[in-house]
Each structure stands twice: as structure tokens, then as C-alpha cells.
């Protein structure tokens, strides 16, 4: 956004649009690098927080593993934007390295998902996210005196049978 301030602001903005656009561009770029630095910090915090789980058999696959991939795509995209804003080839190289690492992590998660499907750890009854961990349960007709099928308890008796 900061790169287009000179085109976005009228020529008479705050008296003279060109200096105002340049000031907004500088402020926007430095705010962007601060937010990017914060994202890098959170990336390292999350890597360190999950480091104890790394190892064979320490953490079973769940579909939430994709959260290791997708938030980091924003970090990679922001790295390229910061590199472009500051004309920094070094930051752009870091963006390329992060892109390769992100693709490797994505492929690893994909392979682990396929492995979990083959081993019937996910997408199988009572496995993965399909475990009965409390809450509402479907019952057969007649299993409970207040339940008339696969619907939640009907207190007023006006609901029809949804079997």
C-alpha cells in the first residue's frame, strides 16, 4: 500500500501531496517491517514451543498439522514484500529459503496425512477427530425415554420422528 501513496493521494493533499505521500511511504514501510519482525518472532516462539514434540511416535497426526503450513505462507509473502519495499536482495533470498522450507513442510504434512489414512488413524470411525469425547450422542429409537430417534432430546413432544 505504501508504494502507491503518490498515486492514491491528490496533488493538493495537506498542501502538497508529494511530501505527504513520501512521509506515509516511509512510515508505512517501517510499520511493515515492525509487523514482519513480530511475525518472525512468533514463528520462532511456535517452533520452540513444538520442538519437544518432534520425534517418532511423540505426536499422532491430526488435520490440525496443516496449521504448521498455512500461517507461515503469510510470513513468506510478507518477507518478499519487505524485501521489495527496501530493495533488499538479502531479504528476498531469505524469502526464497523460507519458500523452499515451507514446501518441504507442506509435503511432509501431506505424506503424514496419507500415512495416517492408510494406517486408519484418521477418516475412520472413532479415530482422529471422530472420537466420542462427550457432548451430544445420537441414539437409536427407544434407547432413551425422552429421545424419539436421531434427534436431540425433545422436551415438548411436538417434534416429529427424524429417523
N, C-alpha and C. Protein backbone atom coordinates (compact mmCIF):
# COMPACT_ATOMS: atom_id res chain seq x y z
N UNK A 1 0.83 -1.19 0.00
CA UNK A 1 0.00 0.00 0.00
C UNK A 1 0.87 1.25 0.00
N UNK A 2 1.94 1.22 0.75
CA UNK A 2 2.77 2.42 0.87
C UNK A 2 3.41 2.78 -0.47
N UNK A 3 3.67 1.79 -1.31
CA UNK A 3 4.31 2.06 -2.60
C UNK A 3 3.40 2.88 -3.52
N UNK A 4 2.11 2.86 -3.30
CA UNK A 4 1.17 3.55 -4.18
C UNK A 4 0.60 4.83 -3.59
N UNK A 5 1.18 5.34 -2.52
CA UNK A 5 0.63 6.54 -1.90
C UNK A 5 0.71 7.75 -2.82
N UNK A 6 1.76 7.85 -3.62
CA UNK A 6 1.88 9.01 -4.51
C UNK A 6 0.79 9.01 -5.57
N UNK A 7 0.30 7.84 -5.96
CA UNK A 7 -0.79 7.76 -6.94
C UNK A 7 -2.16 7.87 -6.26
N UNK A 8 -2.22 7.46 -4.98
CA UNK A 8 -3.51 7.42 -4.29
C UNK A 8 -3.92 8.78 -3.73
N UNK A 9 -2.96 9.61 -3.36
CA UNK A 9 -3.28 10.90 -2.74
C UNK A 9 -3.41 11.99 -3.81
N UNK A 10 -4.34 12.90 -3.63
CA UNK A 10 -4.45 14.01 -4.59
C UNK A 10 -3.23 14.94 -4.47
N UNK A 11 -2.98 15.69 -5.52
CA UNK A 11 -1.79 16.56 -5.56
C UNK A 11 -1.81 17.63 -4.47
N UNK A 12 -3.00 18.05 -4.04
CA UNK A 12 -3.08 19.10 -3.02
C UNK A 12 -3.34 18.54 -1.63
N UNK A 13 -3.03 17.27 -1.40
CA UNK A 13 -3.26 16.66 -0.10
C UNK A 13 -2.36 17.32 0.95
N UNK A 14 -2.96 17.88 1.99
CA UNK A 14 -2.25 18.57 3.08
C UNK A 14 -1.30 19.65 2.53
N UNK A 15 -1.74 20.37 1.52
CA UNK A 15 -0.95 21.45 0.94
C UNK A 15 -0.14 20.98 -0.25
N UNK A 16 0.65 19.95 -0.09
CA UNK A 16 1.47 19.41 -1.17
C UNK A 16 1.47 17.89 -1.02
N UNK A 17 0.92 17.20 -1.99
CA UNK A 17 0.73 15.76 -1.89
C UNK A 17 2.00 14.94 -1.97
N UNK A 18 3.01 15.41 -2.68
CA UNK A 18 4.23 14.61 -2.87
C UNK A 18 4.98 14.36 -1.57
N UNK A 19 5.26 15.39 -0.75
CA UNK A 19 5.96 15.10 0.51
C UNK A 19 5.11 14.27 1.47
N UNK A 20 3.81 14.50 1.49
CA UNK A 20 2.94 13.72 2.36
C UNK A 20 2.95 12.26 1.94
N UNK A 21 2.94 12.02 0.64
CA UNK A 21 3.00 10.64 0.15
C UNK A 21 4.31 9.97 0.54
N UNK A 22 5.40 10.72 0.43
CA UNK A 22 6.71 10.16 0.80
C UNK A 22 6.78 9.86 2.29
N UNK A 23 6.24 10.74 3.11
CA UNK A 23 6.23 10.51 4.56
C UNK A 23 5.40 9.28 4.90
N UNK A 24 4.22 9.17 4.28
CA UNK A 24 3.37 8.00 4.51
C UNK A 24 4.05 6.71 4.04
N UNK A 25 4.79 6.80 2.95
CA UNK A 25 5.51 5.62 2.44
C UNK A 25 6.59 5.19 3.43
N UNK A 26 7.34 6.13 3.96
CA UNK A 26 8.39 5.80 4.93
C UNK A 26 7.78 5.22 6.21
N UNK A 27 6.75 5.87 6.73
CA UNK A 27 6.09 5.38 7.95
C UNK A 27 5.49 4.00 7.70
N UNK A 28 4.82 3.82 6.56
CA UNK A 28 4.22 2.53 6.23
C UNK A 28 5.25 1.42 6.11
N UNK A 29 6.39 1.72 5.48
CA UNK A 29 7.44 0.70 5.35
C UNK A 29 8.01 0.31 6.71
N UNK A 30 8.23 1.28 7.58
CA UNK A 30 8.78 0.94 8.89
C UNK A 30 7.76 0.24 9.78
N UNK A 31 6.49 0.58 9.64
CA UNK A 31 5.45 -0.17 10.36
C UNK A 31 5.39 -1.60 9.83
N UNK A 32 5.52 -1.74 8.52
CA UNK A 32 5.51 -3.08 7.92
C UNK A 32 6.67 -3.93 8.38
N UNK A 33 7.85 -3.34 8.49
CA UNK A 33 9.00 -4.13 8.95
C UNK A 33 8.85 -4.49 10.43
N UNK A 34 8.20 -3.62 11.20
CA UNK A 34 7.96 -3.95 12.61
C UNK A 34 7.00 -5.14 12.72
N UNK A 35 5.91 -5.11 11.95
CA UNK A 35 4.95 -6.22 11.98
C UNK A 35 5.59 -7.50 11.44
N UNK A 36 6.42 -7.38 10.41
CA UNK A 36 7.14 -8.54 9.88
C UNK A 36 8.07 -9.11 10.94
N UNK A 37 8.78 -8.25 11.65
CA UNK A 37 9.65 -8.72 12.74
C UNK A 37 8.87 -9.42 13.84
N UNK A 38 7.68 -8.92 14.14
CA UNK A 38 6.82 -9.56 15.12
C UNK A 38 6.39 -10.95 14.63
N UNK A 39 6.08 -11.06 13.33
CA UNK A 39 5.71 -12.36 12.76
C UNK A 39 6.87 -13.34 12.81
N UNK A 40 8.08 -12.87 12.56
CA UNK A 40 9.27 -13.73 12.66
C UNK A 40 9.45 -14.19 14.11
N UNK A 41 9.24 -13.29 15.06
CA UNK A 41 9.33 -13.64 16.48
C UNK A 41 8.33 -14.74 16.83
N UNK A 42 7.07 -14.57 16.41
CA UNK A 42 6.05 -15.58 16.69
C UNK A 42 6.37 -16.90 16.02
N UNK A 43 6.99 -16.84 14.84
CA UNK A 43 7.41 -18.07 14.17
C UNK A 43 8.42 -18.83 15.03
N UNK A 44 9.42 -18.12 15.54
CA UNK A 44 10.43 -18.79 16.37
C UNK A 44 9.85 -19.27 17.70
N UNK A 45 8.93 -18.51 18.27
CA UNK A 45 8.27 -18.95 19.51
C UNK A 45 7.48 -20.23 19.26
N UNK A 46 6.76 -20.30 18.15
CA UNK A 46 5.97 -21.50 17.87
C UNK A 46 6.85 -22.69 17.55
N UNK A 47 7.97 -22.48 16.86
CA UNK A 47 8.90 -23.58 16.60
C UNK A 47 9.47 -24.11 17.91
N UNK A 48 9.89 -23.23 18.78
CA UNK A 48 10.45 -23.65 20.07
C UNK A 48 9.40 -24.33 20.95
N UNK A 49 8.16 -23.88 20.87
CA UNK A 49 7.10 -24.47 21.69
C UNK A 49 6.78 -25.90 21.26
N UNK A 50 6.96 -26.20 19.97
CA UNK A 50 6.64 -27.53 19.47
C UNK A 50 7.87 -28.43 19.35
N UNK A 51 9.03 -27.93 19.68
CA UNK A 51 10.26 -28.70 19.50
C UNK A 51 10.26 -29.98 20.35
N UNK A 52 9.66 -29.94 21.52
CA UNK A 52 9.65 -31.12 22.38
C UNK A 52 8.79 -32.24 21.80
N UNK A 53 7.91 -31.93 20.87
CA UNK A 53 7.05 -32.95 20.26
C UNK A 53 7.70 -33.63 19.07
N UNK A 54 8.84 -33.12 18.62
CA UNK A 54 9.50 -33.69 17.44
C UNK A 54 10.12 -35.03 17.83
N UNK A 55 9.83 -36.01 17.03
CA UNK A 55 10.38 -37.34 17.26
C UNK A 55 9.37 -38.39 16.89
N UNK A 56 9.85 -39.60 16.63
CA UNK A 56 8.99 -40.69 16.20
C UNK A 56 8.02 -41.09 17.30
N UNK A 57 6.72 -41.05 17.00
CA UNK A 57 5.70 -41.52 17.91
C UNK A 57 5.33 -40.57 19.04
N UNK A 58 5.86 -39.37 19.03
CA UNK A 58 5.54 -38.42 20.12
C UNK A 58 4.27 -37.64 19.89
N UNK A 59 3.87 -37.49 18.63
CA UNK A 59 2.69 -36.70 18.33
C UNK A 59 1.94 -37.37 17.18
N UNK A 60 0.74 -37.85 17.46
CA UNK A 60 -0.06 -38.50 16.43
C UNK A 60 -0.56 -37.46 15.43
N UNK A 61 -0.71 -37.90 14.18
CA UNK A 61 -1.16 -36.98 13.14
C UNK A 61 -2.60 -36.56 13.41
N UNK A 62 -2.87 -35.30 13.17
CA UNK A 62 -4.22 -34.74 13.19
C UNK A 62 -4.28 -33.72 12.06
N UNK A 63 -5.47 -33.45 11.59
CA UNK A 63 -5.62 -32.50 10.49
C UNK A 63 -5.13 -31.10 10.88
N UNK A 64 -5.01 -30.86 12.16
CA UNK A 64 -4.52 -29.56 12.61
C UNK A 64 -3.04 -29.36 12.30
N UNK A 65 -2.37 -30.41 11.83
CA UNK A 65 -0.97 -30.24 11.42
C UNK A 65 -0.85 -29.24 10.27
N UNK A 66 -1.91 -29.05 9.51
CA UNK A 66 -1.85 -28.07 8.43
C UNK A 66 -1.68 -26.65 8.97
N UNK A 67 -1.91 -26.46 10.25
CA UNK A 67 -1.65 -25.14 10.85
C UNK A 67 -0.16 -24.87 10.97
N UNK A 68 0.68 -25.88 10.74
CA UNK A 68 2.12 -25.65 10.66
C UNK A 68 2.49 -25.02 9.32
N UNK A 69 1.61 -25.14 8.33
CA UNK A 69 1.91 -24.68 6.98
C UNK A 69 1.28 -23.32 6.69
N UNK A 70 -0.03 -23.23 6.79
CA UNK A 70 -0.73 -22.09 6.21
C UNK A 70 -0.45 -20.75 6.88
N UNK A 71 -0.32 -20.63 8.20
CA UNK A 71 0.03 -19.31 8.73
C UNK A 71 1.41 -18.83 8.26
N UNK A 72 2.29 -19.79 7.99
CA UNK A 72 3.63 -19.40 7.56
C UNK A 72 3.68 -18.93 6.12
N UNK A 73 2.63 -19.22 5.34
CA UNK A 73 2.59 -18.66 3.99
C UNK A 73 2.49 -17.13 4.05
N UNK A 74 1.79 -16.62 5.04
CA UNK A 74 1.72 -15.17 5.21
C UNK A 74 3.09 -14.60 5.57
N UNK A 75 3.84 -15.32 6.39
CA UNK A 75 5.19 -14.86 6.74
C UNK A 75 6.09 -14.84 5.50
N UNK A 76 5.99 -15.86 4.65
CA UNK A 76 6.80 -15.89 3.43
C UNK A 76 6.41 -14.76 2.50
N UNK A 77 5.11 -14.54 2.33
CA UNK A 77 4.64 -13.45 1.47
C UNK A 77 5.09 -12.10 2.01
N UNK A 78 5.00 -11.93 3.32
CA UNK A 78 5.44 -10.67 3.94
C UNK A 78 6.95 -10.48 3.79
N UNK A 79 7.71 -11.58 3.82
CA UNK A 79 9.16 -11.48 3.64
C UNK A 79 9.49 -10.93 2.26
N UNK A 80 8.79 -11.43 1.25
CA UNK A 80 9.01 -10.90 -0.10
C UNK A 80 8.58 -9.44 -0.20
N UNK A 81 7.49 -9.06 0.46
CA UNK A 81 7.03 -7.67 0.42
C UNK A 81 8.04 -6.73 1.08
N UNK A 82 8.60 -7.16 2.21
CA UNK A 82 9.61 -6.33 2.90
C UNK A 82 10.87 -6.23 2.04
N UNK A 83 11.27 -7.34 1.44
CA UNK A 83 12.44 -7.31 0.56
C UNK A 83 12.26 -6.37 -0.62
N UNK A 84 11.03 -6.35 -1.17
CA UNK A 84 10.75 -5.45 -2.29
C UNK A 84 10.69 -4.00 -1.82
N UNK A 85 10.06 -3.75 -0.67
CA UNK A 85 9.91 -2.38 -0.18
C UNK A 85 11.26 -1.75 0.12
N UNK A 86 12.19 -2.53 0.62
CA UNK A 86 13.51 -2.00 0.97
C UNK A 86 14.57 -2.32 -0.08
N UNK A 87 14.16 -2.87 -1.21
CA UNK A 87 15.08 -3.26 -2.29
C UNK A 87 16.25 -4.07 -1.75
N UNK A 88 15.93 -5.04 -0.91
CA UNK A 88 16.95 -5.85 -0.25
C UNK A 88 16.99 -7.25 -0.86
N UNK A 89 18.06 -7.52 -1.59
CA UNK A 89 18.23 -8.85 -2.17
C UNK A 89 18.40 -9.90 -1.08
N UNK A 90 19.03 -9.53 0.04
CA UNK A 90 19.25 -10.49 1.13
C UNK A 90 17.91 -10.96 1.71
N UNK A 91 16.99 -10.05 1.92
CA UNK A 91 15.67 -10.44 2.46
C UNK A 91 14.90 -11.25 1.43
N UNK A 92 15.06 -10.93 0.16
CA UNK A 92 14.41 -11.72 -0.87
C UNK A 92 14.98 -13.14 -0.95
N UNK A 93 16.29 -13.30 -0.70
CA UNK A 93 16.89 -14.64 -0.64
C UNK A 93 16.34 -15.39 0.56
N UNK A 94 16.19 -14.70 1.69
CA UNK A 94 15.59 -15.32 2.87
C UNK A 94 14.17 -15.78 2.53
N UNK A 95 13.41 -14.98 1.77
CA UNK A 95 12.08 -15.37 1.33
C UNK A 95 12.10 -16.62 0.48
N UNK A 96 13.10 -16.74 -0.40
CA UNK A 96 13.23 -17.94 -1.23
C UNK A 96 13.53 -19.17 -0.37
N UNK A 97 14.42 -19.01 0.60
CA UNK A 97 14.76 -20.12 1.50
C UNK A 97 13.52 -20.53 2.31
N UNK A 98 12.79 -19.55 2.81
CA UNK A 98 11.57 -19.84 3.55
C UNK A 98 10.53 -20.54 2.67
N UNK A 99 10.47 -20.16 1.40
CA UNK A 99 9.54 -20.81 0.48
C UNK A 99 9.88 -22.28 0.31
N UNK A 100 11.15 -22.58 0.13
CA UNK A 100 11.58 -23.98 -0.01
C UNK A 100 11.27 -24.76 1.27
N UNK A 101 11.58 -24.18 2.42
CA UNK A 101 11.28 -24.86 3.69
C UNK A 101 9.78 -25.07 3.86
N UNK A 102 8.98 -24.09 3.46
CA UNK A 102 7.53 -24.21 3.57
C UNK A 102 7.01 -25.34 2.68
N UNK A 103 7.54 -25.45 1.48
CA UNK A 103 7.12 -26.54 0.59
C UNK A 103 7.52 -27.89 1.16
N UNK A 104 8.71 -27.97 1.76
CA UNK A 104 9.14 -29.22 2.39
C UNK A 104 8.20 -29.60 3.54
N UNK A 105 7.85 -28.63 4.37
CA UNK A 105 6.94 -28.90 5.49
C UNK A 105 5.57 -29.30 4.95
N UNK A 106 5.10 -28.63 3.92
CA UNK A 106 3.81 -28.95 3.33
C UNK A 106 3.81 -30.40 2.80
N UNK A 107 4.86 -30.78 2.09
CA UNK A 107 4.96 -32.15 1.58
C UNK A 107 5.02 -33.16 2.73
N UNK A 108 5.75 -32.83 3.79
CA UNK A 108 5.84 -33.72 4.95
C UNK A 108 4.46 -33.92 5.57
N UNK A 109 3.71 -32.84 5.75
CA UNK A 109 2.37 -32.95 6.34
C UNK A 109 1.45 -33.74 5.41
N UNK A 110 1.56 -33.55 4.11
CA UNK A 110 0.75 -34.30 3.16
C UNK A 110 1.07 -35.79 3.22
N UNK A 111 2.35 -36.14 3.25
CA UNK A 111 2.75 -37.54 3.36
C UNK A 111 2.27 -38.15 4.67
N UNK A 112 2.38 -37.39 5.77
CA UNK A 112 1.92 -37.90 7.06
C UNK A 112 0.40 -38.07 7.08
N UNK A 113 -0.33 -37.21 6.35
CA UNK A 113 -1.78 -37.36 6.26
C UNK A 113 -2.13 -38.63 5.50
N UNK A 114 -1.46 -38.86 4.37
CA UNK A 114 -1.71 -40.07 3.59
C UNK A 114 -1.36 -41.31 4.42
N UNK A 115 -0.26 -41.25 5.15
CA UNK A 115 0.14 -42.35 6.04
C UNK A 115 -0.92 -42.60 7.10
N UNK A 116 -1.45 -41.54 7.68
CA UNK A 116 -2.48 -41.68 8.72
C UNK A 116 -3.76 -42.27 8.15
N UNK A 117 -4.09 -41.94 6.91
CA UNK A 117 -5.27 -42.54 6.27
C UNK A 117 -5.04 -44.03 6.05
N UNK A 118 -3.87 -44.39 5.55
CA UNK A 118 -3.56 -45.80 5.30
C UNK A 118 -3.56 -46.60 6.59
N UNK A 119 -3.02 -46.02 7.66
CA UNK A 119 -2.99 -46.70 8.96
C UNK A 119 -4.30 -46.59 9.73
N UNK A 120 -5.29 -45.95 9.10
CA UNK A 120 -6.63 -45.78 9.68
C UNK A 120 -6.58 -45.02 11.00
N UNK A 121 -5.71 -44.01 11.06
CA UNK A 121 -5.64 -43.14 12.23
C UNK A 121 -6.58 -41.95 12.09
N UNK A 122 -6.95 -41.61 10.87
CA UNK A 122 -7.92 -40.55 10.61
C UNK A 122 -8.89 -41.05 9.55
N UNK A 123 -10.00 -40.36 9.40
CA UNK A 123 -11.05 -40.71 8.44
C UNK A 123 -11.53 -42.15 8.64
N UNK A 124 -11.64 -42.54 9.88
CA UNK A 124 -12.09 -43.86 10.25
C UNK A 124 -12.92 -43.71 11.51
N UNK A 125 -13.99 -44.49 11.68
CA UNK A 125 -14.84 -44.31 12.86
C UNK A 125 -14.05 -44.42 14.17
N UNK A 126 -14.31 -43.49 15.06
CA UNK A 126 -13.69 -43.41 16.39
C UNK A 126 -12.19 -43.15 16.34
N UNK A 127 -11.70 -42.60 15.27
CA UNK A 127 -10.28 -42.25 15.14
C UNK A 127 -10.15 -40.77 14.80
N UNK A 128 -9.05 -40.17 15.18
CA UNK A 128 -8.80 -38.77 14.87
C UNK A 128 -9.81 -37.86 15.52
N UNK A 129 -10.42 -37.00 14.73
CA UNK A 129 -11.39 -36.03 15.25
C UNK A 129 -12.78 -36.63 15.44
N UNK A 130 -12.95 -37.91 15.15
CA UNK A 130 -14.27 -38.55 15.23
C UNK A 130 -14.49 -39.29 16.55
N UNK A 131 -13.66 -39.06 17.53
CA UNK A 131 -13.81 -39.74 18.81
C UNK A 131 -15.00 -39.19 19.58
N UNK A 132 -15.65 -40.07 20.33
CA UNK A 132 -16.72 -39.62 21.22
C UNK A 132 -16.07 -39.07 22.48
N UNK A 133 -16.07 -37.77 22.61
CA UNK A 133 -15.43 -37.14 23.76
C UNK A 133 -16.46 -36.36 24.57
N UNK A 134 -17.63 -36.89 24.68
CA UNK A 134 -18.67 -36.19 25.42
C UNK A 134 -19.55 -35.39 24.50
N UNK A 135 -20.52 -34.75 25.08
CA UNK A 135 -21.42 -33.95 24.28
C UNK A 135 -22.59 -34.76 23.77
N UNK A 136 -23.20 -34.30 22.71
CA UNK A 136 -24.41 -34.89 22.16
C UNK A 136 -24.08 -36.22 21.49
N UNK A 137 -24.89 -37.23 21.72
CA UNK A 137 -24.73 -38.53 21.07
C UNK A 137 -26.03 -38.90 20.39
N UNK A 138 -25.93 -39.49 19.24
CA UNK A 138 -27.10 -40.00 18.53
C UNK A 138 -27.48 -41.34 19.15
N UNK A 139 -28.76 -41.54 19.39
CA UNK A 139 -29.22 -42.80 19.96
C UNK A 139 -30.28 -43.39 19.06
N UNK A 140 -30.44 -44.67 19.14
CA UNK A 140 -31.48 -45.35 18.37
C UNK A 140 -32.83 -45.11 19.03
N UNK A 141 -33.87 -45.25 18.27
CA UNK A 141 -35.22 -45.06 18.78
C UNK A 141 -35.48 -46.05 19.91
N UNK A 142 -35.93 -45.53 21.03
CA UNK A 142 -36.23 -46.37 22.17
C UNK A 142 -35.09 -46.52 23.16
N UNK A 143 -33.90 -45.99 22.83
CA UNK A 143 -32.77 -46.10 23.77
C UNK A 143 -32.96 -45.22 24.99
N UNK A 144 -33.67 -44.13 24.85
CA UNK A 144 -33.85 -43.19 25.94
C UNK A 144 -35.32 -42.76 25.95
N UNK A 145 -35.94 -42.68 27.09
CA UNK A 145 -37.37 -42.36 27.12
C UNK A 145 -37.70 -40.98 26.55
N UNK A 146 -36.79 -40.03 26.58
CA UNK A 146 -37.08 -38.69 26.08
C UNK A 146 -36.56 -38.47 24.67
N UNK A 147 -36.05 -39.49 24.03
CA UNK A 147 -35.48 -39.33 22.70
C UNK A 147 -36.26 -40.16 21.72
N UNK A 148 -36.70 -39.55 20.63
CA UNK A 148 -37.53 -40.27 19.67
C UNK A 148 -36.79 -40.51 18.35
N UNK A 149 -35.54 -40.83 18.38
CA UNK A 149 -34.79 -41.11 17.16
C UNK A 149 -33.41 -40.50 17.22
N UNK A 150 -32.97 -40.01 16.07
CA UNK A 150 -31.63 -39.45 15.99
C UNK A 150 -31.62 -37.95 16.22
N UNK A 151 -32.60 -37.43 16.91
CA UNK A 151 -32.64 -36.01 17.24
C UNK A 151 -32.28 -35.83 18.70
N UNK A 152 -31.94 -34.63 19.06
CA UNK A 152 -31.64 -34.34 20.45
C UNK A 152 -32.93 -34.47 21.27
N UNK A 153 -32.83 -34.57 22.55
CA UNK A 153 -33.99 -34.78 23.41
C UNK A 153 -35.09 -33.79 23.09
N UNK A 154 -36.26 -34.30 22.87
CA UNK A 154 -37.42 -33.48 22.58
C UNK A 154 -38.24 -33.34 23.84
N UNK A 155 -38.27 -32.17 24.43
CA UNK A 155 -38.95 -31.96 25.71
C UNK A 155 -40.45 -31.75 25.52
N UNK A 156 -40.85 -31.05 24.45
CA UNK A 156 -42.26 -30.70 24.34
C UNK A 156 -43.08 -31.75 23.60
N UNK A 157 -42.43 -32.73 22.98
CA UNK A 157 -43.13 -33.80 22.30
C UNK A 157 -43.72 -33.39 20.95
N UNK A 158 -43.49 -32.15 20.52
CA UNK A 158 -44.08 -31.69 19.27
C UNK A 158 -43.22 -32.03 18.05
N UNK A 159 -41.98 -32.42 18.27
CA UNK A 159 -41.08 -32.73 17.14
C UNK A 159 -41.45 -34.07 16.53
N UNK A 160 -41.24 -34.16 15.22
CA UNK A 160 -41.55 -35.41 14.56
C UNK A 160 -40.35 -36.33 14.58
N UNK A 161 -40.58 -37.58 14.29
CA UNK A 161 -39.51 -38.58 14.24
C UNK A 161 -38.63 -38.31 13.05
N UNK A 162 -37.33 -38.14 13.26
CA UNK A 162 -36.38 -37.82 12.19
C UNK A 162 -35.52 -39.01 11.81
N UNK A 163 -35.97 -40.22 12.05
CA UNK A 163 -35.15 -41.41 11.77
C UNK A 163 -35.06 -41.65 10.29
